[in-house]
Amino acid sequence: MDNTSNNKTITAFRPRLLYCAIFIWNTLTVGKFTAPLLQHLSPNNFTDGIIGLTFALQYGIAGCVSTWGGSYADAQEKKATQWGYGRIKVLTLFLTLGTLSFLGHGIPHYMNSSTDTKLVLVWHVAMRCIYAVSLGVVAPTLDGLALAHLHFAENSSTVDFGKERMYGALCWGLGSFIAGVGIDQYGFNFLYIFLIISTILSYIGMGIYLWGLSRDTSGSFKKYSVIFDDVSSSNNNGYQNKETISKDEDVSNYELMCMICKTNYAKAIMLFTFLLAMGIAVVDNLAFIFFETLGASDAMDGLTVVFTVAVEVPAFSIAPLMLQRYGCGHMLLGAGVAYVIRVVGYTLIPYGKMYIVLMLELLHGVSYAGSKAGSVEFISRIIPDGHEAAGQGILMFVTYSGIVTGLIVAGWIQETLGARYMFRVMAVIVSIGLIVLLLAEILCDKDTIRPSKKEEEGEGQMTHSDSCQSSASAFADEETEKFLRTLKYDSLGKVSPKVCIYMTCWFILSLIITIDQHLVPEE
């Protein structure tokens, strides 16, 4: 009995521990209270348009930094003597930078400076830019670490990403609710105290995660080294046999991007990701300003986030099952449909009816979880081992490019025409992306990506009897055909999801076109 207990395998803590800690920190530094905070700090400087431009600049910098940040984290991981230590070191460094930049917003107030001078405006914008560098490294590094962990851990694969990310959504909602109540009770200074506490909790969480890795006896996280040959010498999609990998070459971000965008279907997915990011950026960064016109308090704003998480958590939880059954493309289509219904609903809400907003916020869980899980899984199937953070950095670059574009366009529309027109325009833009992706689902080759570890071991729900039927026509390369897998999903005899999504998209477009602009007058 003693020998049995002594030989019991000890496994490392899962990445959900990091998501719990860091997403409470995220709630404060980049959450929905940032726009109201800026208006509070400098009300005359931060108009709706200036806030939109500030966020556009922030996410533009984060998107540009993200490709470098992911590669930098991967490089530090290769240099580290123990698995995971390199990426954790990068997380610690840039999380600290983000905390200091957010605390910098309070300096003009405590120096008794005038709140509406141009110098104060420049200072606050500079703090958001410094924070953008932090965000551009922390986000892809955290997702890359989680994907690498799931790839190497026993009884796990990258398909399980949603289950880990679910805990981040839960803590995002918890942190938003606490922040909303705290602001109502103590003012915006509460955010600074809460941020310091959340930063300490993040350090503790990362320390516990490393301690768990050091105690792991499963052998899954022994230090590895993966170095890749020149992609041009491999097959058309950049996949390699590990036996033929050279020690002298590495894969650049440009080559990784070429891998991702090789097929027309992949291009359609990246375009839709860009357009959906435009839309989600508006509700994530400007919605609270619109809710104020409906009579919402800060506590009510925090409650809306709780409602978004109420669906987001279970949506992330079932994401692996949905990915195995329907695939990345259908997950993204469902996310887009949920978004369009949500923002069209915003345009019909009269003053004082915040309970309608709470109902619509439930759709955010579907749109965000579907877009995040679908896009992350799509990228993770294509990117070679050892470049997980770099791959997520490229995805973040595409997403944040959409966020920048969306905030610039939406900020101008909100300031000139009003918030309701802004949401209508965003609904049309995302609907265009839905149509493009739907046509790609019907006409183009499907997910030409490598199978996950579970699928390779025969544990997935997919069948591979026709795994390469369309790859030869796309690439005309027998060697490529050996590496590609076209995922097939069994609908169990039910009506095709394509038909339902197609009909829903056209219904939504018809609804947008026929909305009477006088049904709900502008503020």
Protein backbone atom coordinates (compact mmCIF):
# COMPACT_ATOMS: atom_id res chain seq x y z
CA MET A 1 0.00 0.00 0.00
CA ASP A 2 2.83 2.35 0.80
CA ASN A 3 4.54 1.61 -2.50
CA THR A 4 1.33 2.34 -4.37
CA SER A 5 0.93 5.70 -2.72
CA ASN A 6 4.59 6.55 -3.21
CA ASN A 7 4.42 5.72 -6.94
CA LYS A 8 1.30 7.76 -7.57
CA THR A 9 1.79 10.12 -10.53
CA ILE A 10 1.78 13.83 -9.66
CA THR A 11 0.61 16.06 -12.50
CA ALA A 12 1.19 19.77 -12.99
CA PHE A 13 -1.49 22.39 -12.41
CA ARG A 14 -3.44 23.17 -15.55
CA PRO A 15 -3.28 26.58 -17.33
CA ARG A 16 -6.69 27.51 -15.92
CA LEU A 17 -4.83 28.64 -12.82
CA LEU A 18 -3.09 31.33 -14.88
CA TYR A 19 -6.28 32.36 -16.64
CA CYS A 20 -8.04 32.85 -13.30
CA ALA A 21 -5.33 35.14 -11.95
CA ILE A 22 -4.47 37.11 -15.07
CA PHE A 23 -8.03 37.70 -16.24
CA ILE A 24 -8.96 39.47 -13.03
CA TRP A 25 -5.98 41.71 -13.81
CA ASN A 26 -7.27 42.05 -17.39
CA THR A 27 -10.66 43.17 -16.13
CA LEU A 28 -9.10 46.32 -14.69
CA THR A 29 -6.42 47.16 -17.24
CA VAL A 30 -8.35 46.61 -20.47
CA GLY A 31 -11.92 45.93 -19.30
CA LYS A 32 -15.08 47.82 -20.09
CA PHE A 33 -14.48 50.36 -17.31
CA THR A 34 -11.48 51.86 -19.11
CA ALA A 35 -13.56 54.22 -21.27
CA PRO A 36 -15.60 55.59 -18.30
CA LEU A 37 -12.33 55.96 -16.36
CA LEU A 38 -10.77 58.10 -19.09
CA GLN A 39 -13.87 60.28 -19.28
CA HIS A 40 -13.74 60.67 -15.50
CA LEU A 41 -10.05 61.61 -15.52
CA SER A 42 -10.36 64.20 -18.30
CA PRO A 43 -14.01 64.77 -19.26
CA ASN A 44 -13.45 67.62 -21.74
CA ASN A 45 -10.56 65.93 -23.53
CA PHE A 46 -11.97 62.43 -23.85
CA THR A 47 -14.97 62.76 -26.13
CA ASP A 48 -16.44 59.65 -27.75
CA GLY A 49 -14.32 60.19 -30.84
CA ILE A 50 -11.08 60.72 -28.90
CA ILE A 51 -11.75 57.61 -26.81
CA GLY A 52 -12.28 55.62 -30.00
CA LEU A 53 -9.00 56.91 -31.45
CA THR A 54 -7.17 56.24 -28.17
CA PHE A 55 -8.34 52.64 -28.08
CA ALA A 56 -7.57 52.27 -31.78
CA LEU A 57 -4.00 53.43 -31.12
CA GLN A 58 -3.74 51.11 -28.12
CA TYR A 59 -4.88 48.03 -30.00
CA GLY A 60 -2.89 48.99 -33.08
CA ILE A 61 0.30 49.02 -31.03
CA ALA A 62 -0.71 45.78 -29.28
CA GLY A 63 -1.37 44.11 -32.62
CA CYS A 64 1.99 45.17 -34.04
CA VAL A 65 3.82 44.08 -30.89
CA SER A 66 1.95 40.75 -30.65
CA THR A 67 3.82 39.03 -33.49
CA TRP A 68 7.13 39.97 -31.92
CA GLY A 69 5.84 39.23 -28.42
CA GLY A 70 4.78 35.70 -29.27
CA SER A 71 8.10 34.95 -31.00
CA TYR A 72 10.02 36.49 -28.10
CA ALA A 73 8.17 34.31 -25.59
CA ASP A 74 8.86 31.19 -27.68
CA ALA A 75 12.53 32.11 -27.93
CA GLN A 76 12.79 32.61 -24.17
CA GLU A 77 11.11 29.25 -23.66
CA LYS A 78 13.74 27.53 -25.80
CA LYS A 79 16.52 29.13 -23.73
CA ALA A 80 14.96 28.17 -20.39
CA THR A 81 16.37 25.18 -18.53
CA GLN A 82 12.94 23.93 -17.44
CA TRP A 83 9.67 23.64 -19.33
CA GLY A 84 7.39 26.66 -19.03
CA TYR A 85 9.87 28.91 -17.21
CA GLY A 86 10.71 31.03 -20.25
CA ARG A 87 7.13 32.00 -21.02
CA ILE A 88 6.30 32.57 -17.35
CA LYS A 89 9.28 34.94 -17.10
CA VAL A 90 7.95 36.92 -20.06
CA LEU A 91 4.45 37.01 -18.53
CA THR A 92 5.81 38.32 -15.23
CA LEU A 93 7.88 41.06 -16.84
CA PHE A 94 5.20 42.47 -19.12
CA LEU A 95 2.36 42.05 -16.64
CA THR A 96 4.36 44.30 -14.31
CA LEU A 97 4.77 46.82 -17.12
CA GLY A 98 1.01 46.84 -17.69
CA THR A 99 0.30 47.40 -14.00
CA LEU A 100 2.68 50.35 -13.79
CA SER A 101 1.22 51.96 -16.91
CA PHE A 102 -2.33 51.71 -15.57
CA LEU A 103 -1.32 53.15 -12.21
CA GLY A 104 0.26 56.01 -14.17
CA HIS A 105 -3.24 57.28 -15.00
CA GLY A 106 -3.54 58.44 -11.40
CA ILE A 107 -0.38 60.57 -11.37
CA PRO A 108 -1.89 63.82 -12.79
CA HIS A 109 -4.68 63.66 -10.22
CA TYR A 110 -2.33 63.21 -7.28
CA MET A 111 -0.09 66.02 -8.60
CA ASN A 112 -3.16 68.31 -8.59
CA SER A 113 -2.74 69.02 -12.31
CA SER A 114 -5.60 70.44 -14.35
CA THR A 115 -7.58 67.55 -15.79
CA ASP A 116 -8.37 69.12 -19.16
CA THR A 117 -5.01 70.35 -20.46
CA LYS A 118 -3.53 68.91 -23.62
CA LEU A 119 -0.53 67.72 -21.63
CA VAL A 120 -2.78 65.59 -19.42
CA LEU A 121 -4.46 64.17 -22.52
CA VAL A 122 -1.07 63.24 -23.99
CA TRP A 123 -0.06 61.65 -20.67
CA HIS A 124 -3.12 59.40 -20.51
CA VAL A 125 -2.75 58.40 -24.16
CA ALA A 126 0.93 57.59 -23.51
CA MET A 127 -0.07 55.34 -20.59
CA ARG A 128 -2.45 53.44 -22.87
CA CYS A 129 0.34 53.05 -25.44
CA ILE A 130 2.74 51.63 -22.84
CA TYR A 131 0.00 49.30 -21.66
CA ALA A 132 -0.52 48.23 -25.29
CA VAL A 133 3.04 46.87 -25.36
CA SER A 134 2.25 44.84 -22.25
CA LEU A 135 -0.99 43.52 -23.74
CA GLY A 136 0.70 42.66 -27.03
CA VAL A 137 3.05 40.28 -25.22
CA VAL A 138 0.92 38.94 -22.35
CA ALA A 139 -2.05 37.82 -24.46
CA PRO A 140 -0.26 35.60 -27.06
CA THR A 141 2.19 34.32 -24.44
CA LEU A 142 -0.61 33.17 -22.15
CA ASP A 143 -2.55 31.45 -24.95
CA GLY A 144 0.64 29.94 -26.37
CA LEU A 145 1.63 28.55 -22.97
CA ALA A 146 -1.83 27.04 -22.52
CA LEU A 147 -1.77 25.40 -25.97
CA ALA A 148 1.72 24.00 -25.41
CA HIS A 149 0.69 22.65 -22.01
CA LEU A 150 -2.39 20.94 -23.47
CA HIS A 151 -0.34 19.50 -26.31
CA PHE A 152 2.15 17.79 -24.00
CA ALA A 153 -0.08 16.90 -21.04
CA GLU A 154 -1.52 13.41 -20.80
CA ASN A 155 -5.15 12.94 -21.83
CA SER A 156 -5.31 16.46 -23.29
CA SER A 157 -5.06 18.19 -26.65
CA THR A 158 -5.38 21.71 -28.01
CA VAL A 159 -9.08 21.04 -28.62
CA ASP A 160 -9.48 21.37 -24.83
CA PHE A 161 -8.40 25.02 -24.94
CA GLY A 162 -11.96 26.20 -24.33
CA LYS A 163 -12.15 24.33 -21.04
CA GLU A 164 -9.11 26.20 -19.77
CA ARG A 165 -10.17 29.56 -21.18
CA MET A 166 -13.55 29.13 -19.50
CA TYR A 167 -11.96 29.94 -16.14
CA GLY A 168 -10.64 33.20 -17.53
CA ALA A 169 -14.18 34.14 -18.58
CA LEU A 170 -15.48 33.28 -15.11
CA CYS A 171 -12.91 35.49 -13.41
CA TRP A 172 -13.49 38.25 -15.96
CA GLY A 173 -17.14 38.36 -14.90
CA LEU A 174 -16.27 38.18 -11.21
CA GLY A 175 -13.70 40.97 -11.52
CA SER A 176 -16.07 43.17 -13.53
CA PHE A 177 -18.85 42.81 -10.97
CA ILE A 178 -16.51 43.63 -8.08
CA ALA A 179 -15.11 46.61 -10.00
CA GLY A 180 -18.59 47.95 -10.79
CA VAL A 181 -19.78 47.74 -7.20
CA GLY A 182 -16.48 49.18 -5.95
CA ILE A 183 -16.67 52.19 -8.28
CA ASP A 184 -20.23 52.91 -7.18
CA GLN A 185 -19.20 52.79 -3.52
CA TYR A 186 -15.71 54.34 -3.54
CA GLY A 187 -15.20 55.98 -6.94
CA PHE A 188 -12.69 55.18 -9.67
CA ASN A 189 -9.78 55.16 -7.21
CA PHE A 190 -11.04 51.71 -6.21
CA LEU A 191 -9.63 50.40 -9.52
CA TYR A 192 -6.06 51.25 -8.48
CA ILE A 193 -6.29 49.33 -5.20
CA PHE A 194 -8.00 46.38 -6.86
CA LEU A 195 -5.33 46.36 -9.59
CA ILE A 196 -2.49 46.08 -7.09
CA ILE A 197 -4.27 43.18 -5.38
CA SER A 198 -4.92 41.41 -8.70
CA THR A 199 -1.27 41.86 -9.73
CA ILE A 200 -0.10 40.20 -6.53
CA LEU A 201 -2.59 37.39 -7.11
CA SER A 202 -1.19 36.95 -10.63
CA TYR A 203 2.35 36.63 -9.27
CA ILE A 204 1.13 34.04 -6.77
CA GLY A 205 -0.73 32.14 -9.49
CA MET A 206 2.33 31.99 -11.74
CA GLY A 207 4.47 30.87 -8.80
CA ILE A 208 2.07 28.05 -7.95
CA TYR A 209 1.98 26.99 -11.61
CA LEU A 210 5.80 26.74 -11.73
CA TRP A 211 5.80 24.86 -8.44
CA GLY A 212 3.33 22.38 -9.94
CA LEU A 213 5.58 21.89 -12.97
CA SER A 214 8.55 21.17 -10.70
CA ARG A 215 6.55 18.48 -8.86
CA ASP A 216 5.18 16.83 -12.02
CA THR A 217 6.19 13.17 -12.26
CA SER A 218 4.27 12.26 -15.43
CA GLY A 219 7.26 13.03 -17.66
CA SER A 220 5.09 15.15 -19.97
CA PHE A 221 6.95 18.39 -19.32
CA LYS A 222 10.55 17.44 -19.71
CA LYS A 223 12.54 20.14 -21.44
CA TYR A 224 12.26 19.79 -25.20
CA SER A 225 13.83 21.47 -28.18
CA VAL A 226 12.00 21.88 -31.46
CA ILE A 227 13.85 23.55 -34.32
CA PHE A 228 12.36 23.81 -37.78
CA ASP A 229 13.74 23.64 -41.26
CA ASP A 230 13.16 26.19 -44.02
CA VAL A 231 9.47 25.95 -44.91
CA SER A 232 10.15 26.38 -48.60
CA SER A 233 11.87 23.00 -48.64
CA SER A 234 8.87 21.22 -47.13
CA ASN A 235 5.40 20.54 -48.43
CA ASN A 236 3.06 23.29 -49.55
CA ASN A 237 1.47 23.80 -46.14
CA GLY A 238 4.73 23.97 -44.21
CA TYR A 239 4.28 20.76 -42.21
CA GLN A 240 7.37 18.69 -41.48
CA ASN A 241 8.39 15.26 -40.39
CA LYS A 242 10.34 15.73 -37.17
CA GLU A 243 12.94 13.23 -38.36
CA THR A 244 13.94 15.57 -41.23
CA ILE A 245 14.08 18.83 -39.26
CA SER A 246 17.30 20.76 -39.56
CA LYS A 247 19.06 22.32 -36.57
CA ASP A 248 20.12 25.43 -38.44
CA GLU A 249 16.81 26.92 -39.61
CA ASP A 250 13.83 28.48 -37.90
CA VAL A 251 10.41 29.60 -39.07
CA SER A 252 9.85 33.34 -39.40
CA ASN A 253 6.58 35.11 -38.67
CA TYR A 254 6.15 35.73 -42.40
CA GLU A 255 6.47 32.01 -43.12
CA LEU A 256 4.01 31.22 -40.33
CA MET A 257 1.55 33.69 -41.87
CA CYS A 258 1.97 32.00 -45.25
CA MET A 259 1.17 28.65 -43.64
CA ILE A 260 -2.01 30.05 -42.12
CA CYS A 261 -3.29 31.79 -45.27
CA LYS A 262 -2.40 29.06 -47.78
CA THR A 263 -5.97 28.18 -48.84
CA ASN A 264 -8.96 30.29 -49.84
CA TYR A 265 -10.90 28.77 -46.95
CA ALA A 266 -8.24 29.93 -44.50
CA LYS A 267 -8.29 33.41 -46.05
CA ALA A 268 -12.06 33.53 -45.54
CA ILE A 269 -11.66 32.58 -41.89
CA MET A 270 -9.04 35.26 -41.33
CA LEU A 271 -11.21 37.88 -43.07
CA PHE A 272 -14.19 36.95 -40.92
CA THR A 273 -12.00 37.07 -37.80
CA PHE A 274 -10.95 40.58 -38.80
CA LEU A 275 -14.53 41.79 -39.39
CA LEU A 276 -15.93 40.15 -36.25
CA ALA A 277 -13.13 41.75 -34.24
CA MET A 278 -14.28 45.13 -35.58
CA GLY A 279 -17.73 44.45 -34.18
CA ILE A 280 -16.74 42.96 -30.84
CA ALA A 281 -14.34 45.87 -30.23
CA VAL A 282 -17.28 48.26 -30.29
CA VAL A 283 -19.30 46.45 -27.63
CA ASP A 284 -16.22 45.77 -25.51
CA ASN A 285 -14.96 49.36 -25.45
CA LEU A 286 -17.85 51.71 -26.24
CA ALA A 287 -20.96 49.90 -25.01
CA PHE A 288 -20.79 51.29 -21.46
CA ILE A 289 -20.96 54.83 -22.84
CA PHE A 290 -24.11 53.85 -24.73
CA PHE A 291 -25.56 52.16 -21.64
CA GLU A 292 -25.18 55.43 -19.72
CA THR A 293 -27.60 57.03 -22.20
CA LEU A 294 -30.07 54.29 -21.27
CA GLY A 295 -29.80 55.17 -17.58
CA ALA A 296 -27.34 52.48 -16.41
CA SER A 297 -25.25 52.87 -13.25
CA ASP A 298 -21.70 51.54 -12.78
CA ALA A 299 -23.08 48.60 -10.80
CA MET A 300 -25.49 47.83 -13.64
CA ASP A 301 -22.58 48.01 -16.09
CA GLY A 302 -20.75 45.44 -14.00
CA LEU A 303 -23.88 43.27 -13.91
CA THR A 304 -24.02 43.22 -17.72
CA VAL A 305 -20.60 41.55 -17.71
CA VAL A 306 -21.89 38.94 -15.28
CA PHE A 307 -24.66 38.15 -17.75
CA THR A 308 -22.17 37.83 -20.62
CA VAL A 309 -20.12 35.40 -18.56
CA ALA A 310 -23.23 33.41 -17.62
CA VAL A 311 -23.24 32.02 -21.16
CA GLU A 312 -19.56 32.49 -21.98
CA VAL A 313 -18.45 30.00 -19.30
CA PRO A 314 -20.62 27.07 -20.49
CA ALA A 315 -19.90 28.03 -24.11
CA PHE A 316 -16.16 27.64 -23.52
CA SER A 317 -16.85 24.43 -21.60
CA ILE A 318 -18.61 22.74 -24.52
CA ALA A 319 -16.29 24.26 -27.15
CA PRO A 320 -14.21 21.05 -27.51
CA LEU A 321 -17.34 19.04 -28.26
CA MET A 322 -18.61 21.64 -30.72
CA LEU A 323 -15.23 21.79 -32.47
CA GLN A 324 -15.12 18.02 -32.83
CA ARG A 325 -18.65 17.87 -34.17
CA TYR A 326 -18.97 20.98 -36.34
CA GLY A 327 -15.46 22.36 -36.84
CA CYS A 328 -13.85 25.77 -36.61
CA GLY A 329 -15.82 27.33 -39.45
CA HIS A 330 -19.24 26.55 -38.03
CA MET A 331 -18.16 27.78 -34.60
CA LEU A 332 -17.21 31.12 -36.15
CA LEU A 333 -20.46 31.34 -38.12
CA GLY A 334 -22.48 30.80 -34.96
CA ALA A 335 -20.44 33.51 -33.22
CA GLY A 336 -21.17 35.98 -36.01
CA VAL A 337 -24.91 35.30 -36.04
CA ALA A 338 -25.11 35.80 -32.25
CA TYR A 339 -23.24 39.11 -32.55
CA VAL A 340 -25.51 40.52 -35.24
CA ILE A 341 -28.67 39.65 -33.30
CA ARG A 342 -27.20 41.28 -30.20
CA VAL A 343 -26.24 44.65 -31.70
CA VAL A 344 -29.42 44.93 -33.77
CA GLY A 345 -31.26 44.46 -30.48
CA TYR A 346 -29.29 47.35 -28.97
CA THR A 347 -30.72 49.71 -31.57
CA LEU A 348 -34.30 48.93 -30.49
CA ILE A 349 -33.94 49.49 -26.72
CA PRO A 350 -35.73 52.57 -25.29
CA TYR A 351 -34.46 54.60 -22.35
CA GLY A 352 -34.64 52.92 -18.95
CA LYS A 353 -35.09 49.36 -20.26
CA MET A 354 -31.74 47.97 -19.14
CA TYR A 355 -33.27 44.58 -18.44
CA ILE A 356 -33.47 44.12 -22.23
CA VAL A 357 -29.72 44.80 -22.42
CA LEU A 358 -29.13 42.08 -19.82
CA MET A 359 -30.99 39.57 -21.99
CA LEU A 360 -29.03 40.56 -25.09
CA GLU A 361 -25.73 40.30 -23.19
CA LEU A 362 -26.29 36.57 -22.93
CA LEU A 363 -25.48 36.37 -26.65
CA HIS A 364 -21.99 37.75 -26.05
CA GLY A 365 -20.96 34.43 -24.53
CA VAL A 366 -21.83 32.68 -27.78
CA SER A 367 -20.13 35.24 -30.02
CA TYR A 368 -16.93 35.63 -27.99
CA ALA A 369 -16.44 32.01 -26.95
CA GLY A 370 -17.21 30.80 -30.47
CA SER A 371 -14.83 33.24 -32.13
CA LYS A 372 -12.04 32.67 -29.61
CA ALA A 373 -12.23 28.88 -29.49
CA GLY A 374 -12.73 28.52 -33.24
CA SER A 375 -9.90 30.83 -34.30
CA VAL A 376 -7.42 29.60 -31.70
CA GLU A 377 -8.02 25.97 -32.64
CA PHE A 378 -7.72 26.74 -36.35
CA ILE A 379 -4.37 28.42 -35.85
CA SER A 380 -3.05 25.80 -33.41
CA ARG A 381 -3.64 23.00 -35.95
CA ILE A 382 -1.46 24.75 -38.53
CA ILE A 383 1.39 26.21 -36.47
CA PRO A 384 4.34 23.84 -35.81
CA ASP A 385 5.22 22.73 -32.27
CA GLY A 386 7.36 25.19 -30.39
CA HIS A 387 5.76 28.22 -32.11
CA GLU A 388 2.46 28.25 -30.21
CA ALA A 389 2.85 31.79 -28.86
CA ALA A 390 4.07 33.09 -32.24
CA GLY A 391 0.99 31.60 -33.91
CA GLN A 392 -1.32 33.24 -31.40
CA GLY A 393 0.60 36.48 -31.90
CA ILE A 394 -0.25 36.38 -35.61
CA LEU A 395 -3.90 35.71 -34.79
CA MET A 396 -3.81 38.59 -32.34
CA PHE A 397 -2.33 40.85 -35.04
CA VAL A 398 -5.24 40.08 -37.37
CA THR A 399 -7.77 40.48 -34.56
CA TYR A 400 -6.33 43.75 -33.28
CA SER A 401 -6.12 45.13 -36.80
CA GLY A 402 -9.88 44.61 -36.90
CA ILE A 403 -10.26 46.20 -33.48
CA VAL A 404 -8.33 49.30 -34.58
CA THR A 405 -10.39 49.68 -37.72
CA GLY A 406 -13.63 49.11 -35.83
CA LEU A 407 -12.87 51.64 -33.12
CA ILE A 408 -11.86 54.36 -35.58
CA VAL A 409 -14.99 53.87 -37.67
CA ALA A 410 -17.31 53.34 -34.70
CA GLY A 411 -15.95 56.27 -32.70
CA TRP A 412 -16.59 58.65 -35.59
CA ILE A 413 -20.09 57.27 -36.24
CA GLN A 414 -21.03 57.41 -32.56
CA GLU A 415 -19.91 61.02 -32.24
CA THR A 416 -21.55 62.25 -35.43
CA LEU A 417 -24.63 60.05 -35.95
CA GLY A 418 -25.20 58.41 -32.58
CA ALA A 419 -24.66 55.02 -30.99
CA ARG A 420 -27.67 53.34 -32.58
CA TYR A 421 -26.44 54.05 -36.11
CA MET A 422 -23.01 52.81 -35.04
CA PHE A 423 -24.39 49.43 -33.98
CA ARG A 424 -26.39 49.12 -37.21
CA VAL A 425 -23.28 49.70 -39.30
CA MET A 426 -21.34 47.12 -37.25
CA ALA A 427 -24.14 44.60 -37.78
CA VAL A 428 -23.93 45.08 -41.55
CA ILE A 429 -20.13 44.74 -41.55
CA VAL A 430 -20.17 41.49 -39.58
CA SER A 431 -23.00 40.18 -41.78
CA ILE A 432 -20.80 40.69 -44.84
CA GLY A 433 -18.14 38.57 -43.15
CA LEU A 434 -20.77 35.92 -42.40
CA ILE A 435 -21.74 35.69 -46.06
CA VAL A 436 -18.11 35.40 -47.19
CA LEU A 437 -17.37 32.63 -44.66
CA LEU A 438 -20.62 30.84 -45.50
CA LEU A 439 -19.71 30.83 -49.20
CA ALA A 440 -16.26 29.53 -48.28
CA GLU A 441 -17.85 26.73 -46.25
CA ILE A 442 -19.89 25.72 -49.28
CA LEU A 443 -17.44 26.29 -52.13
CA CYS A 444 -13.89 25.99 -50.76
CA ASP A 445 -11.77 23.22 -49.31
CA LYS A 446 -12.49 22.79 -45.63
CA ASP A 447 -10.10 22.89 -42.68
CA THR A 448 -6.90 21.64 -44.29
CA ILE A 449 -5.11 21.33 -41.00
CA ARG A 450 -3.33 18.61 -39.15
CA PRO A 451 -5.27 16.45 -36.68
CA SER A 452 -4.99 17.01 -32.96
CA LYS A 453 -3.26 14.58 -30.65
CA LYS A 454 -6.58 13.00 -29.66
CA GLU A 455 -7.57 12.55 -33.30
CA GLU A 456 -4.22 10.99 -34.15
CA GLU A 457 -4.76 8.52 -31.31
CA GLY A 458 -8.24 7.70 -32.57
CA GLU A 459 -10.10 9.43 -29.75
CA GLY A 460 -11.74 12.19 -31.81
CA GLN A 461 -15.26 12.19 -33.22
CA MET A 462 -14.15 12.70 -36.81
CA THR A 463 -13.80 10.23 -39.63
CA HIS A 464 -10.83 10.40 -41.97
CA SER A 465 -11.88 8.06 -44.74
CA ASP A 466 -12.06 10.98 -47.15
CA SER A 467 -9.37 12.97 -45.40
CA CYS A 468 -7.59 14.27 -48.48
CA GLN A 469 -10.19 14.24 -51.23
CA SER A 470 -9.91 17.95 -51.97
CA SER A 471 -6.32 18.72 -51.06
CA ALA A 472 -4.88 17.39 -54.32
CA SER A 473 -6.99 19.75 -56.37
CA ALA A 474 -5.94 22.66 -54.18
CA PHE A 475 -2.22 21.94 -54.14
CA ALA A 476 -1.57 19.35 -56.92
CA ASP A 477 1.09 17.85 -54.68
CA GLU A 478 1.03 14.22 -53.54
CA GLU A 479 3.48 14.91 -50.72
CA THR A 480 1.24 17.65 -49.37
CA GLU A 481 -1.74 15.34 -49.63
CA LYS A 482 -0.08 12.99 -47.15
CA PHE A 483 0.11 15.70 -44.49
CA LEU A 484 -3.24 17.42 -44.85
CA ARG A 485 -6.42 16.33 -43.14
CA THR A 486 -9.81 17.64 -44.22
CA LEU A 487 -11.94 17.36 -41.09
CA LYS A 488 -15.31 15.66 -41.53
CA TYR A 489 -18.06 15.98 -38.97
CA ASP A 490 -21.00 13.62 -38.51
CA SER A 491 -24.25 15.57 -38.28
CA LEU A 492 -26.05 12.45 -36.91
CA GLY A 493 -28.70 12.75 -39.59
CA LYS A 494 -29.84 16.20 -38.50
CA VAL A 495 -30.45 19.17 -40.77
CA SER A 496 -27.16 20.60 -42.04
CA PRO A 497 -25.95 23.54 -39.91
CA LYS A 498 -25.07 25.31 -43.18
CA VAL A 499 -28.73 25.52 -44.16
CA CYS A 500 -29.75 26.93 -40.77
CA ILE A 501 -26.93 29.46 -40.74
CA TYR A 502 -27.63 30.49 -44.33
CA MET A 503 -31.29 31.18 -43.60
CA THR A 504 -30.44 33.00 -40.36
CA CYS A 505 -27.92 35.27 -42.09
CA TRP A 506 -30.39 36.36 -44.71
CA PHE A 507 -33.07 36.90 -42.09
CA ILE A 508 -30.73 39.17 -40.12
CA LEU A 509 -29.75 41.15 -43.21
CA SER A 510 -33.39 41.64 -44.11
CA LEU A 511 -34.11 42.78 -40.56
CA ILE A 512 -31.30 45.35 -40.65
CA ILE A 513 -32.38 46.76 -44.01
CA THR A 514 -36.03 47.11 -42.99
CA ILE A 515 -35.48 48.71 -39.56
CA ASP A 516 -37.32 52.02 -39.44
CA GLN A 517 -34.90 54.68 -38.21
CA HIS A 518 -37.81 56.42 -36.48
CA LEU A 519 -38.78 53.32 -34.50
CA VAL A 520 -36.35 54.38 -31.78
CA PRO A 521 -35.31 58.06 -32.01
CA GLU A 522 -31.69 59.06 -31.55
CA GLU A 523 -30.63 60.59 -28.24
